[in-house]
Amino acid sequence: MCVSPPVRPAVTGCGNYFYGMSDIKPRPNDGRYQVILRNLSPQQKVEKVFELNELTRQLAKAGIRMRNPGLSDDQIDRMAVEQALKCHNRNY
């Protein structure tokens, strides 16, 4: 028996960001942001990746701290690492 894969709804997008029916928020500066990113040098792009990774870590730790106000910094760091390991995409 041959089973066809599910059909995905048609979406249009730029890069990895897809604009679908669930994206109802207006994004007036998106095109401008894309131009800025395109004009960055390779070194600046790498620096931006590290900045965004650090911001993600800080936000994760802030969320853990809000949900667990009595934890020490070491415990928060440990929980953040455990959380990141659970979410890591192991497909590559």
N, C-alpha and C. Protein backbone atom coordinates (compact mmCIF):
# COMPACT_ATOMS: atom_id res chain seq x y z
N MET A 1 0.85 -1.18 0.00
CA MET A 1 0.00 0.00 0.00
C MET A 1 0.89 1.24 0.00
N CYS A 2 0.63 2.13 -0.88
CA CYS A 2 1.41 3.36 -1.01
C CYS A 2 0.65 4.50 -0.36
N VAL A 3 1.31 5.18 0.59
CA VAL A 3 0.67 6.29 1.29
C VAL A 3 1.36 7.59 0.89
N SER A 4 0.58 8.55 0.45
CA SER A 4 1.13 9.85 0.07
C SER A 4 1.43 10.68 1.31
N PRO A 5 2.51 11.46 1.26
CA PRO A 5 2.81 12.34 2.40
C PRO A 5 1.73 13.41 2.50
N PRO A 6 1.53 13.95 3.72
CA PRO A 6 0.53 15.00 3.87
C PRO A 6 0.89 16.23 3.05
N VAL A 7 -0.10 16.89 2.53
CA VAL A 7 0.11 18.09 1.73
C VAL A 7 0.20 19.29 2.66
N ARG A 8 1.26 20.05 2.51
CA ARG A 8 1.43 21.25 3.34
C ARG A 8 0.75 22.43 2.67
N PRO A 9 0.18 23.33 3.48
CA PRO A 9 -0.42 24.51 2.87
C PRO A 9 0.65 25.38 2.22
N ALA A 10 0.28 26.06 1.17
CA ALA A 10 1.22 26.93 0.46
C ALA A 10 1.53 28.15 1.32
N VAL A 11 2.80 28.41 1.50
CA VAL A 11 3.23 29.61 2.22
C VAL A 11 4.35 30.24 1.42
N THR A 12 4.48 31.53 1.58
CA THR A 12 5.60 32.22 0.95
C THR A 12 6.51 32.70 2.06
N GLY A 13 7.77 32.86 1.78
CA GLY A 13 8.66 33.27 2.85
C GLY A 13 9.95 33.84 2.33
N CYS A 14 10.72 34.35 3.25
CA CYS A 14 12.03 34.90 2.96
C CYS A 14 13.02 34.18 3.86
N GLY A 15 13.91 33.42 3.29
CA GLY A 15 14.86 32.68 4.10
C GLY A 15 14.13 31.60 4.88
N ASN A 16 14.38 31.51 6.17
CA ASN A 16 13.74 30.51 7.01
C ASN A 16 12.48 31.03 7.68
N TYR A 17 12.13 32.25 7.45
CA TYR A 17 10.95 32.82 8.09
C TYR A 17 9.78 32.75 7.12
N PHE A 18 8.74 32.03 7.48
CA PHE A 18 7.60 31.84 6.60
C PHE A 18 6.43 32.69 7.05
N TYR A 19 5.78 33.29 6.09
CA TYR A 19 4.59 34.08 6.35
C TYR A 19 3.40 33.21 5.98
N GLY A 20 2.71 32.73 6.95
CA GLY A 20 1.55 31.89 6.70
C GLY A 20 0.31 32.54 7.26
N MET A 21 -0.76 31.79 7.26
CA MET A 21 -2.02 32.31 7.76
C MET A 21 -1.96 32.61 9.25
N SER A 22 -1.08 31.94 10.00
CA SER A 22 -1.00 32.17 11.44
C SER A 22 -0.22 33.44 11.78
N ASP A 23 0.48 34.03 10.81
CA ASP A 23 1.26 35.24 11.06
C ASP A 23 0.39 36.45 10.73
N ILE A 24 -0.28 36.98 11.77
CA ILE A 24 -1.18 38.11 11.54
C ILE A 24 -0.57 39.44 11.97
N LYS A 25 0.60 39.38 12.59
CA LYS A 25 1.24 40.61 13.06
C LYS A 25 1.87 41.36 11.88
N PRO A 26 1.55 42.64 11.72
CA PRO A 26 2.19 43.40 10.64
C PRO A 26 3.69 43.57 10.91
N ARG A 27 4.48 43.48 9.89
CA ARG A 27 5.93 43.60 10.01
C ARG A 27 6.43 44.65 9.03
N PRO A 28 6.19 45.93 9.36
CA PRO A 28 6.55 46.99 8.42
C PRO A 28 8.05 47.14 8.18
N ASN A 29 8.88 46.72 9.11
CA ASN A 29 10.33 46.90 8.97
C ASN A 29 11.05 45.65 8.51
N ASP A 30 10.31 44.59 8.18
CA ASP A 30 10.96 43.33 7.83
C ASP A 30 11.86 43.46 6.61
N GLY A 31 11.39 44.13 5.58
CA GLY A 31 12.21 44.29 4.37
C GLY A 31 13.47 45.08 4.66
N ARG A 32 13.34 46.11 5.47
CA ARG A 32 14.51 46.92 5.84
C ARG A 32 15.52 46.09 6.63
N TYR A 33 15.01 45.26 7.56
CA TYR A 33 15.87 44.40 8.37
C TYR A 33 16.61 43.40 7.47
N GLN A 34 15.92 42.84 6.49
CA GLN A 34 16.55 41.89 5.57
C GLN A 34 17.69 42.56 4.79
N VAL A 35 17.48 43.80 4.37
CA VAL A 35 18.52 44.54 3.64
C VAL A 35 19.73 44.77 4.55
N ILE A 36 19.47 45.15 5.79
CA ILE A 36 20.57 45.39 6.74
C ILE A 36 21.37 44.11 6.94
N LEU A 37 20.68 42.99 7.15
CA LEU A 37 21.38 41.71 7.34
C LEU A 37 22.18 41.32 6.11
N ARG A 38 21.62 41.53 4.93
CA ARG A 38 22.31 41.19 3.69
C ARG A 38 23.59 42.01 3.52
N ASN A 39 23.59 43.23 4.03
CA ASN A 39 24.74 44.11 3.85
C ASN A 39 25.83 43.94 4.91
N LEU A 40 25.60 43.08 5.89
CA LEU A 40 26.63 42.84 6.90
C LEU A 40 27.78 42.04 6.30
N SER A 41 28.97 42.30 6.78
CA SER A 41 30.12 41.49 6.35
C SER A 41 30.01 40.11 7.00
N PRO A 42 30.73 39.12 6.47
CA PRO A 42 30.70 37.79 7.10
C PRO A 42 31.09 37.84 8.59
N GLN A 43 32.08 38.65 8.93
CA GLN A 43 32.48 38.76 10.34
C GLN A 43 31.35 39.35 11.18
N GLN A 44 30.67 40.36 10.66
CA GLN A 44 29.56 40.97 11.39
C GLN A 44 28.41 39.98 11.57
N LYS A 45 28.19 39.14 10.57
CA LYS A 45 27.13 38.13 10.68
C LYS A 45 27.45 37.12 11.78
N VAL A 46 28.70 36.70 11.84
CA VAL A 46 29.12 35.76 12.90
C VAL A 46 28.97 36.41 14.27
N GLU A 47 29.38 37.67 14.38
CA GLU A 47 29.23 38.39 15.65
C GLU A 47 27.76 38.48 16.04
N LYS A 48 26.88 38.72 15.07
CA LYS A 48 25.45 38.80 15.33
C LYS A 48 24.92 37.47 15.84
N VAL A 49 25.40 36.37 15.28
CA VAL A 49 24.99 35.04 15.74
C VAL A 49 25.35 34.86 17.21
N PHE A 50 26.58 35.23 17.58
CA PHE A 50 27.00 35.08 18.98
C PHE A 50 26.19 35.99 19.90
N GLU A 51 25.89 37.21 19.44
CA GLU A 51 25.06 38.12 20.24
C GLU A 51 23.67 37.53 20.48
N LEU A 52 23.07 36.98 19.43
CA LEU A 52 21.73 36.42 19.55
C LEU A 52 21.74 35.16 20.41
N ASN A 53 22.80 34.35 20.31
CA ASN A 53 22.91 33.17 21.17
C ASN A 53 23.00 33.57 22.64
N GLU A 54 23.79 34.59 22.92
CA GLU A 54 23.93 35.06 24.31
C GLU A 54 22.60 35.61 24.81
N LEU A 55 21.89 36.36 23.98
CA LEU A 55 20.58 36.88 24.37
C LEU A 55 19.62 35.74 24.68
N THR A 56 19.65 34.69 23.86
CA THR A 56 18.79 33.53 24.09
C THR A 56 19.11 32.88 25.43
N ARG A 57 20.39 32.73 25.74
CA ARG A 57 20.79 32.15 27.04
C ARG A 57 20.29 33.01 28.20
N GLN A 58 20.46 34.33 28.07
CA GLN A 58 20.02 35.24 29.13
C GLN A 58 18.51 35.17 29.33
N LEU A 59 17.75 35.11 28.23
CA LEU A 59 16.30 35.01 28.34
C LEU A 59 15.87 33.69 28.97
N ALA A 60 16.54 32.61 28.61
CA ALA A 60 16.22 31.31 29.20
C ALA A 60 16.48 31.33 30.70
N LYS A 61 17.62 31.88 31.09
CA LYS A 61 17.94 31.96 32.52
C LYS A 61 16.97 32.87 33.27
N ALA A 62 16.57 33.96 32.64
CA ALA A 62 15.61 34.87 33.28
C ALA A 62 14.27 34.16 33.50
N GLY A 63 13.85 33.35 32.52
CA GLY A 63 12.62 32.60 32.66
C GLY A 63 12.70 31.58 33.78
N ILE A 64 13.83 30.88 33.87
CA ILE A 64 14.03 29.91 34.94
C ILE A 64 14.02 30.61 36.29
N ARG A 65 14.69 31.75 36.36
CA ARG A 65 14.76 32.53 37.60
C ARG A 65 13.36 33.00 38.03
N MET A 66 12.53 33.42 37.07
CA MET A 66 11.17 33.87 37.39
C MET A 66 10.33 32.72 37.92
N ARG A 67 10.48 31.53 37.34
CA ARG A 67 9.69 30.39 37.76
C ARG A 67 10.22 29.73 39.03
N ASN A 68 11.51 29.99 39.35
CA ASN A 68 12.15 29.37 40.52
C ASN A 68 12.97 30.42 41.27
N PRO A 69 12.31 31.34 41.96
CA PRO A 69 13.03 32.47 42.57
C PRO A 69 14.04 32.09 43.65
N GLY A 70 13.93 30.92 44.23
CA GLY A 70 14.84 30.55 45.32
C GLY A 70 16.12 29.88 44.89
N LEU A 71 16.33 29.66 43.60
CA LEU A 71 17.51 28.94 43.13
C LEU A 71 18.74 29.83 43.09
N SER A 72 19.89 29.20 43.32
CA SER A 72 21.16 29.92 43.21
C SER A 72 21.52 30.07 41.74
N ASP A 73 22.51 30.91 41.47
CA ASP A 73 22.97 31.11 40.08
C ASP A 73 23.49 29.81 39.47
N ASP A 74 24.21 29.02 40.29
CA ASP A 74 24.71 27.74 39.79
C ASP A 74 23.57 26.80 39.41
N GLN A 75 22.53 26.76 40.22
CA GLN A 75 21.39 25.90 39.92
C GLN A 75 20.67 26.37 38.65
N ILE A 76 20.56 27.68 38.51
CA ILE A 76 19.92 28.24 37.31
C ILE A 76 20.75 27.89 36.07
N ASP A 77 22.06 28.03 36.17
CA ASP A 77 22.94 27.66 35.05
C ASP A 77 22.76 26.20 34.67
N ARG A 78 22.72 25.32 35.68
CA ARG A 78 22.55 23.89 35.45
C ARG A 78 21.21 23.59 34.77
N MET A 79 20.15 24.24 35.26
CA MET A 79 18.83 24.03 34.66
C MET A 79 18.78 24.53 33.22
N ALA A 80 19.45 25.64 32.95
CA ALA A 80 19.48 26.18 31.59
C ALA A 80 20.19 25.22 30.64
N VAL A 81 21.28 24.62 31.10
CA VAL A 81 22.00 23.64 30.28
C VAL A 81 21.13 22.41 30.05
N GLU A 82 20.47 21.93 31.10
CA GLU A 82 19.59 20.76 30.96
C GLU A 82 18.46 21.06 29.98
N GLN A 83 17.89 22.24 30.08
CA GLN A 83 16.80 22.65 29.18
C GLN A 83 17.29 22.70 27.74
N ALA A 84 18.47 23.27 27.53
CA ALA A 84 19.03 23.37 26.18
C ALA A 84 19.32 21.98 25.60
N LEU A 85 19.80 21.08 26.42
CA LEU A 85 20.09 19.73 25.93
C LEU A 85 18.81 18.99 25.54
N LYS A 86 17.73 19.24 26.25
CA LYS A 86 16.45 18.60 25.91
C LYS A 86 15.91 19.11 24.58
N CYS A 87 16.20 20.36 24.26
CA CYS A 87 15.65 20.99 23.07
C CYS A 87 16.55 20.88 21.86
N HIS A 88 17.75 20.40 22.01
CA HIS A 88 18.71 20.37 20.91
C HIS A 88 18.22 19.47 19.79
N ASN A 89 18.32 19.97 18.57
CA ASN A 89 17.92 19.21 17.38
C ASN A 89 19.04 18.24 17.04
N ARG A 90 18.78 16.97 17.16
CA ARG A 90 19.80 15.96 16.92
C ARG A 90 19.78 15.44 15.48
N ASN A 91 19.18 16.19 14.57
CA ASN A 91 19.11 15.75 13.18
C ASN A 91 20.35 16.13 12.37
N TYR A 92 21.31 16.76 12.98
CA TYR A 92 22.51 17.11 12.23
C TYR A 92 23.72 16.86 13.07
